[in-house]
Amino acid sequence: MLFVSSGNVGIFVSMIAYQNIYDSLADFMAALDPVKVLAFHAPADIQERVEALLEKKQQDGLTLAEKEELDHYFILEHIVRLAKSRARLRMTQIQA
């Protein structure tokens, strides 16, 4: 569970809710042209930024803002991997 503080009131947000959001987005993406979904790659500048953050994380450590940025990239990567997996499955079903 993730705990988000909101003043004096604590709000518990289930990771399952996040997973459902990720699944819904991945399903939407996978429903697009599966060939295009499978061909999708992050732009070079984004890949370079992620690599720089990973290198800095191991060498010097990250600021809170950099850690949050890297976490967002990991979430997006997870969604894209789900979408690609589902696009592959969709292509297999179409070919059958």
Protein backbone atom coordinates (compact mmCIF):
# COMPACT_ATOMS: atom_id res chain seq x y z
CA MET A 1 0.00 0.00 0.00
CA LEU A 2 1.05 3.55 -0.68
CA PHE A 3 0.39 6.15 1.98
CA VAL A 4 -0.27 9.69 0.81
CA SER A 5 -0.58 12.34 3.49
CA SER A 6 -3.21 15.01 2.95
CA GLY A 7 -3.00 17.46 5.85
CA ASN A 8 -4.31 15.65 8.90
CA VAL A 9 -6.08 13.03 6.82
CA GLY A 10 -4.18 10.03 5.51
CA ILE A 11 -5.34 8.55 2.26
CA PHE A 12 -4.44 4.95 1.49
CA VAL A 13 -4.12 4.22 -2.19
CA SER A 14 -3.96 0.58 -3.11
CA MET A 15 -1.26 -0.45 -5.54
CA ILE A 16 -3.99 -2.52 -7.16
CA ALA A 17 -5.67 0.72 -8.23
CA TYR A 18 -2.45 1.84 -9.88
CA GLN A 19 -2.08 -1.55 -11.53
CA ASN A 20 -5.60 -1.24 -12.96
CA ILE A 21 -4.71 2.15 -14.43
CA TYR A 22 -1.53 0.72 -15.96
CA ASP A 23 -3.44 -2.26 -17.33
CA SER A 24 -6.11 -0.04 -18.87
CA LEU A 25 -3.54 2.15 -20.57
CA ALA A 26 -1.57 -0.87 -21.79
CA ASP A 27 -4.78 -2.41 -23.18
CA PHE A 28 -5.59 0.82 -24.99
CA MET A 29 -2.11 1.00 -26.49
CA ALA A 30 -2.14 -2.68 -27.48
CA ALA A 31 -5.44 -2.16 -29.29
CA LEU A 32 -3.69 0.25 -31.65
CA ASP A 33 -1.78 -1.09 -34.64
CA PRO A 34 0.26 -3.89 -33.00
CA VAL A 35 3.13 -3.46 -35.45
CA LYS A 36 3.47 0.20 -34.44
CA VAL A 37 3.20 -0.67 -30.74
CA LEU A 38 5.97 -3.25 -31.06
CA ALA A 39 8.15 -0.82 -33.03
CA PHE A 40 7.80 1.93 -30.42
CA HIS A 41 10.99 3.00 -28.66
CA ALA A 42 11.64 6.01 -26.49
CA PRO A 43 13.38 8.85 -28.32
CA ALA A 44 17.15 8.90 -28.08
CA ASP A 45 17.21 11.95 -25.80
CA ILE A 46 14.93 10.19 -23.30
CA GLN A 47 17.05 7.03 -23.40
CA GLU A 48 20.16 9.12 -22.80
CA ARG A 49 18.50 10.90 -19.87
CA VAL A 50 17.51 7.59 -18.25
CA GLU A 51 21.04 6.24 -18.71
CA ALA A 52 22.49 9.42 -17.17
CA LEU A 53 20.13 9.16 -14.19
CA LEU A 54 21.00 5.47 -13.68
CA GLU A 55 24.71 6.27 -13.82
CA LYS A 56 24.33 9.17 -11.39
CA LYS A 57 22.26 6.99 -9.08
CA GLN A 58 25.13 4.51 -8.77
CA GLN A 59 27.91 7.10 -8.52
CA ASP A 60 26.64 10.11 -6.59
CA GLY A 61 23.03 9.36 -5.74
CA LEU A 62 20.00 11.22 -6.99
CA THR A 63 18.18 14.27 -5.72
CA LEU A 64 14.55 13.71 -4.78
CA ALA A 65 13.43 15.31 -8.06
CA GLU A 66 15.75 13.07 -10.07
CA LYS A 67 14.54 9.97 -8.21
CA GLU A 68 10.93 10.92 -8.96
CA GLU A 69 11.82 11.51 -12.61
CA LEU A 70 13.50 8.11 -12.84
CA ASP A 71 10.55 6.45 -11.12
CA HIS A 72 8.22 7.96 -13.73
CA TYR A 73 10.39 6.59 -16.53
CA PHE A 74 10.22 3.14 -14.91
CA ILE A 75 6.42 3.33 -14.69
CA LEU A 76 6.18 4.34 -18.33
CA GLU A 77 8.54 1.55 -19.32
CA HIS A 78 6.34 -0.91 -17.43
CA ILE A 79 3.24 0.30 -19.27
CA VAL A 80 4.97 0.08 -22.65
CA ARG A 81 6.18 -3.46 -21.87
CA LEU A 82 2.63 -4.48 -20.95
CA ALA A 83 1.33 -2.95 -24.17
CA LYS A 84 3.97 -4.70 -26.26
CA SER A 85 3.25 -8.02 -24.60
CA ARG A 86 -0.46 -7.61 -25.30
CA ALA A 87 0.22 -6.47 -28.87
CA ARG A 88 2.26 -9.64 -29.46
CA LEU A 89 -0.61 -11.71 -28.08
CA ARG A 90 -3.07 -9.83 -30.29
CA MET A 91 -0.92 -10.44 -33.36
CA THR A 92 -0.74 -14.14 -32.52
CA GLN A 93 -4.52 -14.28 -32.17
CA ILE A 94 -5.04 -12.44 -35.46
CA GLN A 95 -2.69 -14.82 -37.30
CA ALA A 96 -4.40 -17.92 -35.86
